C-alpha atoms as a PDB file:
ATOM      1  CA  MET A   1      46.418  72.640 128.365  1.00  0.00           C
ATOM      2  CA  SER A   2      45.540  73.174 124.529  1.00  0.00           C
ATOM      3  CA  ALA A   3      44.097  70.554 122.589  1.00  0.00           C
ATOM      4  CA  SER A   4      44.063  69.470 118.975  1.00  0.00           C
ATOM      5  CA  TYR A   5      40.577  68.538 118.623  1.00  0.00           C
ATOM      6  CA  ALA A   6      37.464  67.902 120.447  1.00  0.00           C
ATOM      7  CA  VAL A   7      33.928  66.699 119.925  1.00  0.00           C
ATOM      8  CA  ILE A   8      31.088  68.970 121.377  1.00  0.00           C
ATOM      9  CA  ALA A   9      27.441  68.896 121.563  1.00  0.00           C
ATOM     10  CA  ALA A  10      25.378  71.671 119.822  1.00  0.00           C
ATOM     11  CA  GLY A  11      21.892  71.624 118.697  1.00  0.00           C
ATOM     12  CA  GLY A  12      21.411  68.075 118.982  1.00  0.00           C
ATOM     13  CA  ARG A  13      24.176  67.276 116.944  1.00  0.00           C
ATOM     14  CA  GLN A  14      27.844  66.240 117.865  1.00  0.00           C
ATOM     15  CA  LEU A  15      30.560  67.755 115.941  1.00  0.00           C
ATOM     16  CA  ARG A  16      33.948  67.213 115.769  1.00  0.00           C
ATOM     17  CA  VAL A  17      36.150  70.810 115.753  1.00  0.00           C
ATOM     18  CA  SER A  18      39.749  71.874 115.808  1.00  0.00           C
ATOM     19  CA  PRO A  19      41.190  75.365 116.271  1.00  0.00           C
ATOM     20  CA  GLY A  20      40.938  77.625 113.165  1.00  0.00           C
ATOM     21  CA  GLU A  21      38.063  75.463 111.757  1.00  0.00           C
ATOM     22  CA  THR A  22      34.598  77.310 110.781  1.00  0.00           C
ATOM     23  CA  VAL A  23      31.575  75.114 111.687  1.00  0.00           C
ATOM     24  CA  ARG A  24      27.611  75.511 111.447  1.00  0.00           C
ATOM     25  CA  VAL A  25      25.910  75.341 114.784  1.00  0.00           C
ATOM     26  CA  ASP A  26      22.100  75.812 115.310  1.00  0.00           C
ATOM     27  CA  ARG A  27      21.110  79.344 115.645  1.00  0.00           C
ATOM     28  CA  LEU A  28      22.563  81.205 118.766  1.00  0.00           C
ATOM     29  CA  SER A  29      21.588  84.407 120.191  1.00  0.00           C
ATOM     30  CA  ALA A  30      25.223  85.812 120.035  1.00  0.00           C
ATOM     31  CA  GLY A  31      25.816  88.906 117.655  1.00  0.00           C
ATOM     32  CA  VAL A  32      28.406  88.963 115.050  1.00  0.00           C
ATOM     33  CA  GLY A  33      31.966  88.920 116.293  1.00  0.00           C
ATOM     34  CA  GLU A  34      30.998  88.164 119.893  1.00  0.00           C
ATOM     35  CA  GLU A  35      32.702  85.407 121.459  1.00  0.00           C
ATOM     36  CA  VAL A  36      30.951  82.290 122.921  1.00  0.00           C
ATOM     37  CA  ASN A  37      31.906  79.160 125.070  1.00  0.00           C
ATOM     38  CA  LEU A  38      30.468  75.968 124.319  1.00  0.00           C
ATOM     39  CA  GLU A  39      30.856  74.050 127.183  1.00  0.00           C
ATOM     40  CA  ARG A  40      28.959  70.902 126.348  1.00  0.00           C
ATOM     41  CA  VAL A  41      32.423  68.981 125.177  1.00  0.00           C
ATOM     42  CA  LEU A  42      31.892  65.236 125.313  1.00  0.00           C
ATOM     43  CA  LEU A  43      35.725  64.329 123.883  1.00  0.00           C
ATOM     44  CA  VAL A  44      39.245  65.994 124.107  1.00  0.00           C
ATOM     45  CA  SER A  45      42.192  65.032 122.135  1.00  0.00           C
ATOM     46  CA  THR A  46      45.724  66.591 122.992  1.00  0.00           C
ATOM     47  CA  GLY A  47      47.456  64.487 120.657  1.00  0.00           C
ATOM     48  CA  GLU A  48      48.836  62.175 123.351  1.00  0.00           C
ATOM     49  CA  GLU A  49      45.907  61.475 125.516  1.00  0.00           C
ATOM     50  CA  VAL A  50      42.039  61.163 124.900  1.00  0.00           C
ATOM     51  CA  ARG A  51      39.963  62.560 127.643  1.00  0.00           C
ATOM     52  CA  LEU A  52      36.313  61.102 127.517  1.00  0.00           C
ATOM     53  CA  GLY A  53      33.420  62.721 129.264  1.00  0.00           C
ATOM     54  CA  ALA A  54      30.436  61.084 131.215  1.00  0.00           C
ATOM     55  CA  PRO A  55      28.530  62.578 129.592  1.00  0.00           C
ATOM     56  CA  HIS A  56      31.104  66.078 129.556  1.00  0.00           C
ATOM     57  CA  VAL A  57      34.549  66.373 130.206  1.00  0.00           C
ATOM     58  CA  GLU A  58      34.934  68.468 133.516  1.00  0.00           C
ATOM     59  CA  GLY A  59      36.479  71.978 132.899  1.00  0.00           C
ATOM     60  CA  ALA A  60      36.770  71.832 129.096  1.00  0.00           C
ATOM     61  CA  VAL A  61      35.639  74.612 126.966  1.00  0.00           C
ATOM     62  CA  VAL A  62      35.920  75.485 123.188  1.00  0.00           C
ATOM     63  CA  LYS A  63      36.025  79.173 122.650  1.00  0.00           C
ATOM     64  CA  ALA A  64      34.474  80.124 119.364  1.00  0.00           C
ATOM     65  CA  ARG A  65      33.626  83.653 117.516  1.00  0.00           C
ATOM     66  CA  VAL A  66      30.648  84.138 115.789  1.00  0.00           C
ATOM     67  CA  LEU A  67      30.826  84.922 112.001  1.00  0.00           C
ATOM     68  CA  GLY A  68      27.507  85.545 111.338  1.00  0.00           C
ATOM     69  CA  ASP A  69      23.679  84.213 110.982  1.00  0.00           C
ATOM     70  CA  LYS A  70      22.632  82.532 107.688  1.00  0.00           C
ATOM     71  CA  ARG A  71      19.864  80.209 106.261  1.00  0.00           C
ATOM     72  CA  ASP A  72      20.254  76.737 105.001  1.00  0.00           C
ATOM     73  CA  ARG A  73      18.946  75.568 101.524  1.00  0.00           C
ATOM     74  CA  LYS A  74      15.329  75.088 101.069  1.00  0.00           C
ATOM     75  CA  VAL A  75      13.791  71.699 102.183  1.00  0.00           C
ATOM     76  CA  LEU A  76      10.411  71.039 100.457  1.00  0.00           C
ATOM     77  CA  VAL A  77       7.789  69.292 102.753  1.00  0.00           C
ATOM     78  CA  PHE A  78       5.378  67.662 100.584  1.00  0.00           C
ATOM     79  CA  LYS A  79       1.944  65.710 102.079  1.00  0.00           C
ATOM     80  CA  ARG A  80      -0.316  63.703  99.854  1.00  0.00           C
ATOM     81  CA  LYS A  81      -3.100  61.397 100.527  1.00  0.00           C
ATOM     82  CA  ARG A  82      -3.986  58.817  97.794  1.00  0.00           C
ATOM     83  CA  ARG A  83      -7.059  58.807  95.919  1.00  0.00           C
ATOM     84  CA  LYS A  84      -8.463  62.017  98.025  1.00  0.00           C
ATOM     85  CA  MET A  85      -6.946  64.752  96.014  1.00  0.00           C
ATOM     86  CA  TYR A  86      -5.298  66.162  99.013  1.00  0.00           C
ATOM     87  CA  ARG A  87      -1.865  67.678  98.470  1.00  0.00           C
ATOM     88  CA  ARG A  88       0.225  70.267 100.164  1.00  0.00           C
ATOM     89  CA  ARG A  89       3.596  71.692  99.290  1.00  0.00           C
ATOM     90  CA  ARG A  90       5.595  73.698 101.699  1.00  0.00           C
ATOM     91  CA  GLY A  91       9.455  74.729 101.920  1.00  0.00           C
ATOM     92  CA  HIS A  92      11.523  75.489 104.875  1.00  0.00           C
ATOM     93  CA  ARG A  93      14.645  76.912 105.442  1.00  0.00           C
ATOM     94  CA  GLN A  94      16.637  76.355 108.772  1.00  0.00           C
ATOM     95  CA  TRP A  95      18.448  79.372 110.428  1.00  0.00           C
ATOM     96  CA  TYR A  96      22.033  78.486 111.409  1.00  0.00           C
ATOM     97  CA  THR A  97      25.143  80.415 113.141  1.00  0.00           C
ATOM     98  CA  LEU A  98      28.572  80.045 111.566  1.00  0.00           C
ATOM     99  CA  VAL A  99      31.059  80.270 113.967  1.00  0.00           C
ATOM    100  CA  GLN A 100      34.994  79.924 114.080  1.00  0.00           C
ATOM    101  CA  ILE A 101      36.596  78.076 116.527  1.00  0.00           C
ATOM    102  CA  GLU A 102      39.348  79.865 118.255  1.00  0.00           C
ATOM    103  CA  SER A 103      41.037  77.466 120.791  1.00  0.00           C
ATOM    104  CA  ILE A 104      39.919  74.428 122.966  1.00  0.00           C
ATOM    105  CA  GLU A 105      40.681  74.363 126.671  1.00  0.00           C
ATOM    106  CA  ALA A 106      41.067  70.738 127.819  1.00  0.00           C
ATOM    107  CA  GLY A 107      40.777  71.937 131.756  1.00  0.00           C
ATOM    108  CA  SER A 108      42.609  69.986 134.425  1.00  0.00           C
END
């Protein structure tokens, strides 16, 4: 049975995904063009029914194709102590993986 949307847990975040959609998840070890199965599915909706997992929906899987790894925009980390002339500025760019959702299988 195919589903119209699902809520998945990926990298400590919850994402609402639909087939054909492109989403960003924390960096995966899969290469470009590989298919990955995202099995931590929290909710599946088929249009007429909604299945909620406790904590995951049994048998549900979201299939996605890896489009590539990229880096997010820079976040500045600034530390300071008043009256002590202590200042540190550092930048950080987080890696993420861009995936395209191909199908959502709701299981049984």
